[in-house]
Amino acid sequence: MDTKNSEELITKEFETLKLNTQKLLPEIKKIAIDEAWKLLQITLASIIQIIENIGNDLSGPEKKKLALSLISNFYDTTFDIIDVPYVPNILESYVHKYVKRFLMILVSSSIDSMVTIFRSTGVFLKKTIEVTK
């Protein structure tokens, strides 16, 4: 399987995850940053598992780049519709931009932490190389 096919399969799985999540949120008009962070963490854990299961041909940095891209897309399409309390509509896009920057910094660190924890707890089994003689 080549890298392009892996990324396409992962993106397709992610789109299904994103649509299912968005179906749960249509009535939400306001969300606190801590609630957004919790939702991002759950989504990130799912994305990491999808990438690890499908992206065998991707390197670690490629997996992280793909995960960051997918989470960024998730944020843009899910939280952009949410009204930020006490912020005039004309300023909301600016607030969303800065909140996203802050959360993406946290997401980047969380990816490294989650992968380490998943590997050490057996969620991801370390890939072993078979040596044949």
Protein backbone atom coordinates (compact mmCIF):
# COMPACT_ATOMS: atom_id res chain seq x y z
CA MET A 1 0.00 0.00 0.00
CA ASP A 2 1.49 3.34 -0.94
CA THR A 3 1.47 6.44 1.24
CA LYS A 4 -1.18 8.22 -0.84
CA ASN A 5 -3.63 5.32 -0.49
CA SER A 6 -3.06 5.17 3.27
CA GLU A 7 -3.73 8.87 3.64
CA GLU A 8 -6.89 8.60 1.53
CA LEU A 9 -8.17 5.67 3.60
CA ILE A 10 -7.39 7.48 6.85
CA THR A 11 -9.07 10.65 5.61
CA LYS A 12 -12.16 8.65 4.61
CA GLU A 13 -12.35 7.07 8.08
CA PHE A 14 -11.87 10.50 9.63
CA GLU A 15 -14.70 11.98 7.55
CA THR A 16 -17.05 9.30 8.90
CA LEU A 17 -15.93 10.09 12.45
CA LYS A 18 -16.37 13.83 11.85
CA LEU A 19 -19.87 13.43 10.40
CA ASN A 20 -20.97 11.23 13.30
CA THR A 21 -19.64 13.78 15.78
CA GLN A 22 -21.32 16.68 13.99
CA LYS A 23 -24.66 14.83 14.11
CA LEU A 24 -24.40 14.96 17.90
CA LEU A 25 -23.77 18.73 18.00
CA PRO A 26 -26.47 20.42 15.90
CA GLU A 27 -28.28 21.96 18.84
CA ILE A 28 -25.17 23.33 20.53
CA LYS A 29 -24.79 27.06 19.98
CA LYS A 30 -22.35 27.81 22.79
CA ILE A 31 -19.43 25.73 24.01
CA ALA A 32 -16.79 26.46 26.61
CA ILE A 33 -13.15 26.09 25.70
CA ASP A 34 -12.76 23.21 28.16
CA GLU A 35 -15.62 21.36 26.46
CA ALA A 36 -14.06 21.98 23.05
CA TRP A 37 -10.75 20.67 24.41
CA LYS A 38 -12.42 17.48 25.71
CA LEU A 39 -14.06 16.87 22.34
CA LEU A 40 -10.76 17.49 20.54
CA GLN A 41 -8.99 15.02 22.86
CA ILE A 42 -11.55 12.29 22.19
CA THR A 43 -11.39 12.96 18.46
CA LEU A 44 -7.60 13.03 18.55
CA ALA A 45 -7.44 9.66 20.31
CA SER A 46 -9.71 8.20 17.63
CA ILE A 47 -7.65 9.74 14.82
CA ILE A 48 -4.42 8.41 16.29
CA GLN A 49 -5.90 4.91 16.43
CA ILE A 50 -7.18 5.16 12.85
CA ILE A 51 -3.78 6.35 11.62
CA GLU A 52 -1.92 3.66 13.54
CA ASN A 53 -4.22 0.91 12.22
CA ILE A 54 -4.20 1.98 8.56
CA GLY A 55 -1.00 4.00 8.08
CA ASN A 56 1.58 1.25 8.38
CA ASP A 57 3.55 2.73 5.50
CA LEU A 58 3.68 6.23 7.02
CA SER A 59 6.60 7.45 9.10
CA GLY A 60 6.08 8.94 12.56
CA PRO A 61 6.41 12.55 11.34
CA GLU A 62 4.00 11.84 8.44
CA LYS A 63 1.46 10.39 10.89
CA LYS A 64 1.74 13.41 13.16
CA LYS A 65 1.42 15.85 10.24
CA LEU A 66 -1.68 14.00 9.02
CA ALA A 67 -3.20 13.94 12.52
CA LEU A 68 -2.62 17.70 12.93
CA SER A 69 -4.18 18.36 9.53
CA LEU A 70 -7.24 16.26 10.34
CA ILE A 71 -7.74 17.86 13.76
CA SER A 72 -7.37 21.31 12.19
CA ASN A 73 -10.04 20.37 9.66
CA PHE A 74 -12.24 19.01 12.45
CA TYR A 75 -11.92 22.24 14.40
CA ASP A 76 -12.70 24.39 11.37
CA THR A 77 -15.79 22.44 10.37
CA THR A 78 -17.14 21.68 13.84
CA PHE A 79 -16.41 24.69 16.02
CA ASP A 80 -16.76 27.42 13.44
CA ILE A 81 -20.56 27.22 13.75
CA ILE A 82 -20.49 27.63 17.51
CA ASP A 83 -21.31 31.01 18.96
CA VAL A 84 -18.64 32.36 21.32
CA PRO A 85 -20.41 33.81 24.37
CA TYR A 86 -20.07 37.54 25.06
CA VAL A 87 -18.21 38.18 21.79
CA PRO A 88 -19.88 40.29 19.10
CA ASN A 89 -20.43 38.36 15.85
CA ILE A 90 -18.11 40.67 13.94
CA LEU A 91 -15.19 39.61 16.18
CA GLU A 92 -15.97 35.90 16.43
CA SER A 93 -13.82 34.83 13.49
CA TYR A 94 -10.79 36.45 15.14
CA VAL A 95 -11.53 34.77 18.46
CA HIS A 96 -11.96 31.40 16.74
CA LYS A 97 -8.59 31.87 15.01
CA TYR A 98 -6.70 32.54 18.26
CA VAL A 99 -8.49 29.85 20.23
CA LYS A 100 -7.65 27.40 17.45
CA ARG A 101 -3.95 28.39 17.52
CA PHE A 102 -3.85 27.82 21.26
CA LEU A 103 -5.64 24.47 21.06
CA MET A 104 -3.47 23.26 18.15
CA ILE A 105 -0.35 23.85 20.25
CA LEU A 106 -1.88 21.62 22.90
CA VAL A 107 -2.94 19.06 20.27
CA SER A 108 0.60 18.78 18.93
CA SER A 109 1.94 17.93 22.39
CA SER A 110 -0.99 15.63 23.06
CA ILE A 111 -0.24 13.56 19.96
CA ASP A 112 3.23 12.73 21.28
CA SER A 113 1.86 11.94 24.73
CA MET A 114 -1.00 9.78 23.50
CA VAL A 115 1.17 7.74 21.15
CA THR A 116 3.66 7.11 23.97
CA ILE A 117 0.90 6.11 26.39
CA PHE A 118 -0.89 3.94 23.81
CA ARG A 119 2.35 2.10 23.03
CA SER A 120 3.36 1.61 26.65
CA THR A 121 -0.08 0.35 27.70
CA GLY A 122 -0.49 -2.07 24.80
CA VAL A 123 -3.10 -0.14 22.83
CA PHE A 124 -0.54 -0.12 20.03
CA LEU A 125 1.68 -3.11 19.78
CA LYS A 126 5.24 -2.30 18.79
CA LYS A 127 5.97 -3.52 15.31
CA THR A 128 8.62 -6.17 15.30
CA ILE A 129 10.86 -7.02 12.42
CA GLU A 130 11.15 -10.69 11.64
CA VAL A 131 14.62 -11.83 10.79
CA THR A 132 14.81 -14.79 8.45
CA LYS A 133 17.92 -16.76 7.79
